[in-house]
N, C-alpha and C. Protein backbone atom coordinates (compact mmCIF):
# COMPACT_ATOMS: atom_id res chain seq x y z
N MET A 1 -9.16 23.58 30.31
CA MET A 1 -8.36 23.42 31.14
C MET A 1 -7.73 24.17 31.61
N ASN A 2 -7.30 24.50 32.74
CA ASN A 2 -6.35 25.60 33.46
C ASN A 2 -5.13 24.95 33.41
N ALA A 3 -4.07 25.92 33.00
CA ALA A 3 -2.82 25.59 32.60
C ALA A 3 -1.89 25.78 34.13
N ARG A 4 -1.20 24.97 34.49
CA ARG A 4 -0.42 25.43 35.63
C ARG A 4 0.83 25.56 35.73
N PRO A 5 1.51 26.49 36.35
CA PRO A 5 2.97 26.46 36.18
C PRO A 5 3.39 25.48 36.81
N PRO A 6 4.81 25.14 35.97
CA PRO A 6 6.02 24.24 36.55
C PRO A 6 6.29 24.22 38.10
N LEU A 7 6.60 23.32 38.53
CA LEU A 7 7.06 23.37 40.30
C LEU A 7 8.51 23.89 40.46
N ALA A 8 8.73 24.59 41.22
CA ALA A 8 9.73 25.56 41.62
C ALA A 8 10.86 24.30 42.57
N ARG A 9 12.19 24.70 41.78
CA ARG A 9 12.52 23.44 43.10
C ARG A 9 13.73 24.77 43.97
N ALA A 10 14.02 24.32 44.97
CA ALA A 10 14.97 24.90 45.74
C ALA A 10 16.37 24.48 45.94
N LYS A 11 17.48 25.29 45.94
CA LYS A 11 18.94 25.01 45.96
C LYS A 11 19.38 25.71 47.27
N TRP A 12 19.68 24.91 47.90
CA TRP A 12 20.41 25.17 49.17
C TRP A 12 22.11 25.23 49.36
N PRO A 13 22.65 26.34 50.24
CA PRO A 13 23.78 26.36 49.66
C PRO A 13 24.42 25.27 50.67
N ILE A 14 25.94 25.01 50.45
CA ILE A 14 26.46 23.91 51.13
C ILE A 14 26.45 24.36 52.71
N GLY A 15 25.96 22.95 53.25
CA GLY A 15 26.39 23.32 54.92
C GLY A 15 25.22 23.57 55.23
N CYS A 16 24.01 23.86 54.39
CA CYS A 16 22.41 24.20 55.14
C CYS A 16 21.85 22.77 55.28
N ALA A 17 21.19 22.56 56.21
CA ALA A 17 19.82 21.77 56.17
C ALA A 17 19.24 21.23 55.01
N VAL A 18 18.79 20.49 54.51
CA VAL A 18 18.03 20.07 53.78
C VAL A 18 16.70 19.70 54.26
N ALA A 19 15.70 20.21 53.95
CA ALA A 19 14.05 20.10 54.56
C ALA A 19 13.26 20.02 53.27
N SER A 20 11.95 18.81 53.94
CA SER A 20 11.18 18.43 53.01
C SER A 20 9.91 19.64 53.31
N ILE A 21 9.62 20.33 52.13
CA ILE A 21 8.63 21.41 52.46
C ILE A 21 7.46 21.19 51.31
N ALA A 22 6.18 21.31 51.32
CA ALA A 22 5.16 21.08 50.86
C ALA A 22 4.65 22.77 50.83
N ASN A 23 3.96 23.20 49.58
CA ASN A 23 2.98 24.16 49.78
C ASN A 23 2.09 24.01 48.95
N VAL A 24 0.70 24.25 49.13
CA VAL A 24 -0.40 23.84 48.53
C VAL A 24 -1.17 24.95 48.07
N ASP A 25 -1.37 25.11 46.95
CA ASP A 25 -2.05 26.43 46.21
C ASP A 25 -3.63 25.93 46.19
N TYR A 26 -3.95 26.89 46.30
CA TYR A 26 -5.67 26.38 46.10
C TYR A 26 -6.92 27.64 45.92
N ALA A 27 -7.81 27.71 45.33
CA ALA A 27 -8.69 28.45 45.36
C ALA A 27 -10.02 28.49 46.05
N THR A 28 -10.73 29.30 47.17
CA THR A 28 -11.64 29.13 47.87
C THR A 28 -12.80 30.08 47.48
N THR A 29 -13.82 29.60 47.50
CA THR A 29 -15.20 30.19 46.92
C THR A 29 -15.67 31.27 48.18
N LEU A 30 -15.94 32.07 48.58
CA LEU A 30 -16.62 32.71 50.10
C LEU A 30 -17.98 33.07 49.72
N THR A 31 -18.60 32.91 50.42
CA THR A 31 -20.40 32.52 50.64
C THR A 31 -20.77 34.26 49.92
N ASN A 32 -20.21 35.22 49.75
CA ASN A 32 -20.47 36.20 49.36
C ASN A 32 -20.10 36.36 47.93
N GLY A 33 -19.24 34.68 47.32
CA GLY A 33 -18.95 34.72 45.76
C GLY A 33 -17.42 35.25 45.53
N ALA A 34 -16.96 35.81 46.29
CA ALA A 34 -15.74 36.17 46.12
C ALA A 34 -14.45 34.77 46.00
N THR A 35 -13.56 35.04 45.33
CA THR A 35 -12.85 33.87 45.15
C THR A 35 -11.38 34.46 45.86
N VAL A 36 -10.87 33.41 46.99
CA VAL A 36 -9.35 33.95 47.52
C VAL A 36 -8.71 32.83 47.21
N PHE A 37 -7.29 33.01 47.10
CA PHE A 37 -6.58 32.31 46.56
C PHE A 37 -5.69 31.95 47.82
N GLU A 38 -5.47 30.71 48.47
CA GLU A 38 -5.01 30.44 49.76
C GLU A 38 -3.40 29.23 49.76
N LYS A 39 -2.30 29.96 50.16
CA LYS A 39 -1.61 29.18 50.27
C LYS A 39 -0.62 28.57 51.51
N PRO A 40 -1.30 27.32 51.94
CA PRO A 40 -0.71 26.90 53.33
C PRO A 40 0.91 25.95 53.47
N SER A 41 1.59 26.47 53.88
CA SER A 41 3.09 25.66 53.61
C SER A 41 3.30 24.61 54.80
N PHE A 42 3.78 23.88 54.25
CA PHE A 42 4.06 22.51 55.66
C PHE A 42 5.74 22.09 55.41
N ARG A 43 6.33 21.54 56.60
CA ARG A 43 7.41 21.13 57.27
C ARG A 43 7.81 19.66 57.31
N LEU A 44 8.22 18.55 56.84
CA LEU A 44 8.14 17.52 57.37
C LEU A 44 9.32 17.38 58.49
N GLU A 45 8.90 17.30 59.49
CA GLU A 45 9.76 17.15 61.20
C GLU A 45 10.35 15.64 61.10
N GLY A 46 11.30 16.21 61.80
CA GLY A 46 11.99 14.82 62.25
C GLY A 46 11.27 13.49 62.70
N ASP A 47 9.78 14.11 63.40
CA ASP A 47 9.24 13.05 64.13
C ASP A 47 8.52 12.41 62.96
N GLY A 48 8.27 12.74 61.74
CA GLY A 48 7.87 12.34 60.94
C GLY A 48 6.30 12.86 60.45
N ARG A 49 5.92 14.05 61.06
CA ARG A 49 4.95 14.79 61.44
C ARG A 49 4.90 15.97 60.09
N TRP A 50 4.16 16.23 59.40
CA TRP A 50 3.80 17.61 58.77
C TRP A 50 3.46 18.43 59.35
N ARG A 51 4.10 19.70 59.60
CA ARG A 51 4.01 21.06 60.43
C ARG A 51 3.51 21.65 59.57
N LEU A 52 2.66 22.96 60.14
CA LEU A 52 2.33 24.03 59.13
C LEU A 52 3.27 25.50 59.54
N THR A 53 3.42 26.21 58.66
CA THR A 53 5.09 26.79 58.96
C THR A 53 4.47 28.16 58.30
N GLY A 54 3.60 27.96 57.78
CA GLY A 54 3.13 29.51 56.94
C GLY A 54 1.89 29.45 56.39
N TYR A 55 1.28 30.51 56.03
CA TYR A 55 -0.23 30.72 55.58
C TYR A 55 -0.01 32.41 54.95
N VAL A 56 -0.58 32.17 53.30
CA VAL A 56 -0.55 33.33 52.65
C VAL A 56 -1.95 33.26 51.86
N SER A 57 -2.78 34.19 52.19
CA SER A 57 -4.30 34.82 51.39
C SER A 57 -4.23 35.63 50.15
N ARG A 58 -4.51 35.34 49.33
CA ARG A 58 -4.47 36.82 48.12
C ARG A 58 -6.00 36.81 47.57
N GLN A 59 -5.95 37.79 46.88
CA GLN A 59 -6.96 38.07 46.16
C GLN A 59 -6.56 37.49 44.48
N SER A 60 -5.58 37.88 43.93
CA SER A 60 -5.37 37.27 42.97
C SER A 60 -4.36 36.13 42.49
N GLN A 61 -4.46 35.18 41.88
CA GLN A 61 -3.31 34.32 41.27
C GLN A 61 -2.55 35.10 40.50
N ASN A 62 -1.14 35.22 41.27
CA ASN A 62 -0.18 35.68 40.46
C ASN A 62 0.62 34.95 40.05
N PHE A 63 0.65 33.97 38.97
CA PHE A 63 1.91 33.32 38.65
C PHE A 63 2.74 34.11 37.93
N ALA A 64 3.98 33.58 38.37
CA ALA A 64 5.49 34.38 37.66
C ALA A 64 5.62 33.45 36.42
N GLN A 65 5.74 34.64 35.12
CA GLN A 65 5.75 33.49 33.72
C GLN A 65 6.85 33.92 33.54
């Protein structure tokens, strides 16, 4: 069983708009056998749709301990 780090919570300063944001972190195995870790980020917009706001691809899973 793989251990997963706890979810992080963000705090916004008083007066900042609060947004619903989701980060999805997953591993992809490429056709050459290499593993790439990908993290797309989404934000819930006022129209009720989730929009892609960012994407990161990395070679290693670098969890903060």
